[in-house]
Amino acid sequence: MIKYDKLWETAEKRGITKSILTKKYNVSKAQLYRLRYNQPVSTNTLDRLCNILECDISDIMEHIPDDNFF
């Protein structure tokens, strides 16, 4: 599973709210919803967020191994 909990921590550290992401950077509310609930998003979206937040991908997402993968 990919989790985006780090995204919200990094954004807060940078003083960037969800409102700023939507209004200033045109990140759709639908994308923010998908990120909030750890749903799939495109690598393009992740790249944009890294550029906006001036951070590395590991600052916004992490991989959590699934217990029942096999």
Protein backbone atom coordinates (compact mmCIF):
# COMPACT_ATOMS: atom_id res chain seq x y z
CA MET A 1 0.00 0.00 0.00
CA ILE A 2 1.15 3.52 -0.75
CA LYS A 3 0.35 6.04 1.97
CA TYR A 4 0.43 9.82 1.58
CA ASP A 5 0.39 10.80 5.26
CA LYS A 6 3.81 12.40 4.87
CA LEU A 7 2.38 14.75 2.23
CA TRP A 8 0.23 16.56 4.77
CA GLU A 9 3.11 16.80 7.26
CA THR A 10 5.45 18.21 4.62
CA ALA A 11 2.85 20.67 3.34
CA GLU A 12 2.20 21.90 6.88
CA LYS A 13 5.93 22.42 7.48
CA ARG A 14 6.04 24.52 4.28
CA GLY A 15 2.94 26.50 5.26
CA ILE A 16 0.94 25.17 2.32
CA THR A 17 -2.67 24.28 2.99
CA LYS A 18 -5.13 22.31 0.88
CA SER A 19 -6.76 25.62 0.00
CA ILE A 20 -3.45 26.99 -1.31
CA LEU A 21 -2.90 23.81 -3.31
CA THR A 22 -6.26 24.22 -5.03
CA LYS A 23 -6.33 28.00 -5.47
CA LYS A 24 -2.71 28.91 -6.17
CA TYR A 25 -1.42 25.68 -7.73
CA ASN A 26 -4.63 24.38 -9.35
CA VAL A 27 -4.47 20.94 -7.72
CA SER A 28 -7.99 19.59 -8.03
CA LYS A 29 -10.08 18.76 -5.00
CA ALA A 30 -10.57 15.30 -6.51
CA GLN A 31 -6.79 14.71 -6.47
CA LEU A 32 -6.57 15.90 -2.87
CA TYR A 33 -9.40 13.53 -1.95
CA ARG A 34 -7.55 10.63 -3.60
CA LEU A 35 -4.38 11.53 -1.71
CA ARG A 36 -6.22 11.94 1.59
CA TYR A 37 -7.64 8.41 1.29
CA ASN A 38 -4.46 6.81 -0.12
CA GLN A 39 -6.01 6.07 -3.48
CA PRO A 40 -3.96 5.83 -6.70
CA VAL A 41 -2.70 9.05 -8.27
CA SER A 42 -0.55 9.63 -11.32
CA THR A 43 3.18 10.09 -11.19
CA ASN A 44 2.58 13.45 -12.86
CA THR A 45 0.58 14.55 -9.80
CA LEU A 46 3.33 13.35 -7.48
CA ASP A 47 5.94 15.18 -9.55
CA ARG A 48 3.90 18.40 -9.37
CA LEU A 49 3.55 18.09 -5.61
CA CYS A 50 7.30 17.55 -5.18
CA ASN A 51 7.94 20.68 -7.24
CA ILE A 52 5.36 22.72 -5.33
CA LEU A 53 6.66 21.60 -1.93
CA GLU A 54 10.32 21.59 -3.05
CA CYS A 55 10.82 18.13 -1.62
CA ASP A 56 11.74 14.56 -2.48
CA ILE A 57 9.16 11.86 -3.21
CA SER A 58 9.96 10.19 0.13
CA ASP A 59 8.77 13.38 1.84
CA ILE A 60 5.22 12.88 0.54
CA MET A 61 4.67 9.13 0.28
CA GLU A 62 5.75 5.81 1.72
CA HIS A 63 5.28 2.15 0.85
CA ILE A 64 3.72 -0.07 3.50
CA PRO A 65 4.01 -3.80 2.63
CA ASP A 66 0.70 -5.63 2.37
CA ASP A 67 0.43 -8.60 4.73
CA ASN A 68 -1.69 -10.65 2.37
CA PHE A 69 -0.06 -9.83 -0.96
CA PHE A 70 0.52 -13.43 -2.04
